Amino acid sequence: MVALIADMVPGARTLRVSQREPGRSWPSPYARAYDAQGQHIALNRAQGMTVARWVIRAHPELIWDEAYDLDLTTGALRPGADAYAATGGGR
């Protein structure tokens, strides 16, 4: 799955996936992509929803109330709050 996402979003190194799009009050699969330097890579709505659904469905054991970061080089999935704390305030 990680290889397919990396092909779908060239240049992306990390995906932040959540079940809630910012600014929306209802659940909706949502993803943002970042390059190796942590710069945002724009996704169109179809890309964002598709990759978010793939990741969420591949990990049904997780509670998706919070965001998770998927590292596209290692395939590791970790809570987004961990990355936020490690960078001193997020990306």
N, C-alpha and C. Protein backbone atom coordinates (compact mmCIF):
# COMPACT_ATOMS: atom_id res chain seq x y z
N MET A 1 0.82 -1.18 0.00
CA MET A 1 0.00 0.00 0.00
C MET A 1 0.87 1.26 0.00
N VAL A 2 1.95 1.25 0.78
CA VAL A 2 2.81 2.42 0.87
C VAL A 2 3.41 2.76 -0.49
N ALA A 3 3.80 1.75 -1.26
CA ALA A 3 4.36 1.99 -2.58
C ALA A 3 3.32 2.60 -3.51
N LEU A 4 2.09 2.15 -3.42
CA LEU A 4 1.02 2.72 -4.25
C LEU A 4 0.76 4.18 -3.89
N ILE A 5 0.76 4.48 -2.60
CA ILE A 5 0.55 5.87 -2.17
C ILE A 5 1.70 6.74 -2.62
N ALA A 6 2.93 6.24 -2.50
CA ALA A 6 4.10 7.02 -2.93
C ALA A 6 4.03 7.31 -4.43
N ASP A 7 3.53 6.37 -5.22
CA ASP A 7 3.36 6.61 -6.66
C ASP A 7 2.25 7.62 -6.92
N MET A 8 1.21 7.57 -6.11
CA MET A 8 0.07 8.47 -6.30
C MET A 8 0.39 9.91 -5.91
N VAL A 9 1.32 10.07 -4.95
CA VAL A 9 1.68 11.40 -4.46
C VAL A 9 3.21 11.56 -4.58
N PRO A 10 3.70 11.85 -5.79
CA PRO A 10 5.15 11.96 -5.99
C PRO A 10 5.76 13.04 -5.09
N GLY A 11 6.91 12.70 -4.53
CA GLY A 11 7.62 13.64 -3.67
C GLY A 11 7.21 13.60 -2.22
N ALA A 12 6.13 12.89 -1.91
CA ALA A 12 5.66 12.83 -0.52
C ALA A 12 6.51 11.86 0.29
N ARG A 13 6.78 12.24 1.51
CA ARG A 13 7.49 11.35 2.43
C ARG A 13 6.60 10.96 3.61
N THR A 14 5.69 11.84 3.98
CA THR A 14 4.81 11.58 5.12
C THR A 14 3.38 11.97 4.77
N LEU A 15 2.45 11.16 5.24
CA LEU A 15 1.03 11.49 5.13
C LEU A 15 0.48 11.64 6.54
N ARG A 16 -0.28 12.68 6.76
CA ARG A 16 -1.02 12.83 8.02
C ARG A 16 -2.47 12.49 7.69
N VAL A 17 -2.97 11.44 8.33
CA VAL A 17 -4.30 10.92 8.03
C VAL A 17 -5.19 11.05 9.27
N SER A 18 -6.42 11.47 9.03
CA SER A 18 -7.38 11.56 10.13
C SER A 18 -8.78 11.27 9.60
N GLN A 19 -9.68 11.13 10.53
CA GLN A 19 -11.08 10.88 10.19
C GLN A 19 -11.88 12.18 10.18
N ARG A 20 -11.23 13.29 10.44
CA ARG A 20 -11.94 14.55 10.49
C ARG A 20 -11.15 15.63 9.77
N GLU A 21 -11.74 16.18 8.74
CA GLU A 21 -11.13 17.27 7.99
C GLU A 21 -11.23 18.56 8.80
N PRO A 22 -10.14 19.32 8.87
CA PRO A 22 -10.21 20.59 9.62
C PRO A 22 -11.33 21.48 9.09
N GLY A 23 -12.05 22.08 9.99
CA GLY A 23 -13.14 22.96 9.60
C GLY A 23 -14.46 22.24 9.35
N ARG A 24 -14.48 20.94 9.48
CA ARG A 24 -15.73 20.17 9.30
C ARG A 24 -16.15 19.59 10.64
N SER A 25 -17.43 19.52 10.86
CA SER A 25 -17.91 18.98 12.13
C SER A 25 -18.30 17.51 12.02
N TRP A 26 -18.28 16.94 10.82
CA TRP A 26 -18.66 15.54 10.66
C TRP A 26 -17.44 14.75 10.19
N PRO A 27 -17.41 13.46 10.47
CA PRO A 27 -16.29 12.62 10.06
C PRO A 27 -16.19 12.51 8.54
N SER A 28 -14.97 12.59 8.06
CA SER A 28 -14.68 12.44 6.64
C SER A 28 -13.20 12.11 6.50
N PRO A 29 -12.84 11.02 5.83
CA PRO A 29 -11.43 10.67 5.68
C PRO A 29 -10.66 11.85 5.08
N TYR A 30 -9.49 12.14 5.66
CA TYR A 30 -8.74 13.31 5.26
C TYR A 30 -7.24 13.02 5.35
N ALA A 31 -6.48 13.50 4.38
CA ALA A 31 -5.03 13.32 4.40
C ALA A 31 -4.33 14.57 3.90
N ARG A 32 -3.17 14.82 4.47
CA ARG A 32 -2.27 15.87 4.01
C ARG A 32 -0.93 15.22 3.74
N ALA A 33 -0.21 15.69 2.73
CA ALA A 33 1.09 15.11 2.38
C ALA A 33 2.19 16.13 2.63
N TYR A 34 3.36 15.62 3.02
CA TYR A 34 4.53 16.45 3.29
C TYR A 34 5.75 15.84 2.63
N ASP A 35 6.66 16.68 2.14
CA ASP A 35 7.89 16.19 1.54
C ASP A 35 8.94 15.93 2.63
N ALA A 36 10.17 15.59 2.22
CA ALA A 36 11.23 15.25 3.16
C ALA A 36 11.61 16.43 4.07
N GLN A 37 11.38 17.65 3.62
CA GLN A 37 11.69 18.83 4.42
C GLN A 37 10.51 19.28 5.28
N GLY A 38 9.40 18.56 5.22
CA GLY A 38 8.23 18.90 6.01
C GLY A 38 7.32 19.93 5.35
N GLN A 39 7.57 20.23 4.07
CA GLN A 39 6.74 21.19 3.36
C GLN A 39 5.48 20.51 2.84
N HIS A 40 4.37 21.20 2.95
CA HIS A 40 3.08 20.68 2.51
C HIS A 40 3.07 20.45 1.00
N ILE A 41 2.53 19.31 0.58
CA ILE A 41 2.32 19.00 -0.84
C ILE A 41 0.82 18.98 -1.05
N ALA A 42 0.35 19.77 -1.99
CA ALA A 42 -1.10 19.85 -2.24
C ALA A 42 -1.63 18.55 -2.81
N LEU A 43 -2.74 18.10 -2.27
CA LEU A 43 -3.47 16.96 -2.79
C LEU A 43 -4.82 17.45 -3.26
N ASN A 44 -5.30 16.88 -4.37
CA ASN A 44 -6.67 17.21 -4.73
C ASN A 44 -7.60 16.38 -3.85
N ARG A 45 -8.86 16.70 -3.86
CA ARG A 45 -9.82 16.03 -2.97
C ARG A 45 -9.84 14.51 -3.17
N ALA A 46 -9.79 14.07 -4.41
CA ALA A 46 -9.82 12.63 -4.68
C ALA A 46 -8.58 11.93 -4.12
N GLN A 47 -7.42 12.52 -4.30
CA GLN A 47 -6.20 11.93 -3.74
C GLN A 47 -6.29 11.85 -2.21
N GLY A 48 -6.65 12.95 -1.60
CA GLY A 48 -6.72 13.00 -0.15
C GLY A 48 -7.68 11.99 0.44
N MET A 49 -8.86 11.90 -0.14
CA MET A 49 -9.86 10.95 0.37
C MET A 49 -9.44 9.51 0.10
N THR A 50 -8.88 9.26 -1.08
CA THR A 50 -8.49 7.89 -1.43
C THR A 50 -7.39 7.37 -0.52
N VAL A 51 -6.30 8.13 -0.36
CA VAL A 51 -5.21 7.64 0.48
C VAL A 51 -5.64 7.56 1.94
N ALA A 52 -6.46 8.48 2.40
CA ALA A 52 -6.95 8.41 3.78
C ALA A 52 -7.79 7.15 3.99
N ARG A 53 -8.66 6.85 3.07
CA ARG A 53 -9.49 5.63 3.18
C ARG A 53 -8.63 4.38 3.20
N TRP A 54 -7.62 4.33 2.32
CA TRP A 54 -6.74 3.16 2.27
C TRP A 54 -6.06 2.94 3.62
N VAL A 55 -5.50 4.01 4.18
CA VAL A 55 -4.78 3.90 5.45
C VAL A 55 -5.74 3.54 6.58
N ILE A 56 -6.88 4.20 6.65
CA ILE A 56 -7.85 3.92 7.71
C ILE A 56 -8.35 2.48 7.62
N ARG A 57 -8.64 2.01 6.44
CA ARG A 57 -9.14 0.64 6.28
C ARG A 57 -8.06 -0.40 6.54
N ALA A 58 -6.80 -0.04 6.31
CA ALA A 58 -5.70 -0.98 6.57
C ALA A 58 -5.40 -1.10 8.06
N HIS A 59 -5.89 -0.15 8.85
CA HIS A 59 -5.64 -0.15 10.29
C HIS A 59 -6.93 0.07 11.08
N PRO A 60 -7.86 -0.89 10.97
CA PRO A 60 -9.15 -0.72 11.67
C PRO A 60 -9.02 -0.82 13.19
N GLU A 61 -7.90 -1.31 13.68
CA GLU A 61 -7.71 -1.46 15.12
C GLU A 61 -7.45 -0.12 15.82
N LEU A 62 -7.12 0.91 15.06
CA LEU A 62 -6.81 2.21 15.65
C LEU A 62 -8.07 3.04 15.88
N ILE A 63 -7.99 3.92 16.85
CA ILE A 63 -9.06 4.88 17.10
C ILE A 63 -8.72 6.12 16.29
N TRP A 64 -9.51 6.43 15.31
CA TRP A 64 -9.20 7.49 14.35
C TRP A 64 -9.73 8.85 14.76
N ASP A 65 -9.96 9.06 16.05
CA ASP A 65 -10.36 10.39 16.53
C ASP A 65 -9.20 11.38 16.41
N GLU A 66 -7.98 10.87 16.43
CA GLU A 66 -6.78 11.69 16.30
C GLU A 66 -6.09 11.37 14.98
N ALA A 67 -5.19 12.24 14.57
CA ALA A 67 -4.44 12.04 13.32
C ALA A 67 -3.26 11.09 13.55
N TYR A 68 -2.90 10.40 12.47
CA TYR A 68 -1.74 9.51 12.46
C TYR A 68 -0.87 9.90 11.28
N ASP A 69 0.44 9.73 11.45
CA ASP A 69 1.39 10.00 10.38
C ASP A 69 1.91 8.69 9.82
N LEU A 70 1.86 8.56 8.50
CA LEU A 70 2.38 7.39 7.80
C LEU A 70 3.67 7.80 7.11
N ASP A 71 4.77 7.18 7.51
CA ASP A 71 6.06 7.43 6.88
C ASP A 71 6.13 6.59 5.61
N LEU A 72 6.22 7.23 4.47
CA LEU A 72 6.18 6.51 3.19
C LEU A 72 7.51 5.85 2.84
N THR A 73 8.57 6.11 3.61
CA THR A 73 9.84 5.42 3.36
C THR A 73 9.96 4.14 4.17
N THR A 74 9.37 4.12 5.37
CA THR A 74 9.47 2.94 6.23
C THR A 74 8.16 2.18 6.38
N GLY A 75 7.05 2.84 6.10
CA GLY A 75 5.74 2.23 6.30
C GLY A 75 5.25 2.32 7.73
N ALA A 76 6.01 3.00 8.59
CA ALA A 76 5.62 3.13 10.00
C ALA A 76 4.46 4.11 10.16
N LEU A 77 3.53 3.75 11.01
CA LEU A 77 2.38 4.60 11.31
C LEU A 77 2.47 4.97 12.78
N ARG A 78 2.45 6.26 13.08
CA ARG A 78 2.56 6.72 14.47
C ARG A 78 1.55 7.84 14.70
N PRO A 79 1.15 8.04 15.96
CA PRO A 79 0.23 9.14 16.25
C PRO A 79 0.80 10.48 15.81
N GLY A 80 -0.01 11.31 15.20
CA GLY A 80 0.42 12.62 14.73
C GLY A 80 0.88 13.51 15.86
N ALA A 81 0.34 13.33 17.05
CA ALA A 81 0.74 14.15 18.20
C ALA A 81 2.21 13.92 18.53
N ASP A 82 2.74 12.72 18.29
CA ASP A 82 4.15 12.44 18.53
C ASP A 82 5.02 13.30 17.62
N ALA A 83 4.66 13.40 16.35
CA ALA A 83 5.43 14.21 15.40
C ALA A 83 5.32 15.69 15.75
N TYR A 84 4.14 16.10 16.18
CA TYR A 84 3.92 17.49 16.56
C TYR A 84 4.84 17.87 17.72
N ALA A 85 4.93 17.01 18.71
CA ALA A 85 5.78 17.28 19.87
C ALA A 85 7.26 17.24 19.49
N ALA A 86 7.65 16.31 18.62
CA ALA A 86 9.05 16.16 18.23
C ALA A 86 9.57 17.35 17.43
N THR A 87 8.69 18.02 16.69
CA THR A 87 9.13 19.16 15.88
C THR A 87 8.97 20.47 16.61
N GLY A 88 8.52 20.41 17.84
CA GLY A 88 8.37 21.62 18.63
C GLY A 88 7.17 22.45 18.24
N GLY A 89 6.14 21.83 17.72
CA GLY A 89 4.94 22.57 17.41
C GLY A 89 4.31 22.24 16.09
N GLY A 90 4.82 21.23 15.40
CA GLY A 90 4.15 20.78 14.18
C GLY A 90 4.80 21.24 12.93
N ARG A 91 4.09 20.97 11.85
CA ARG A 91 4.61 21.25 10.51
C ARG A 91 3.85 22.38 9.92
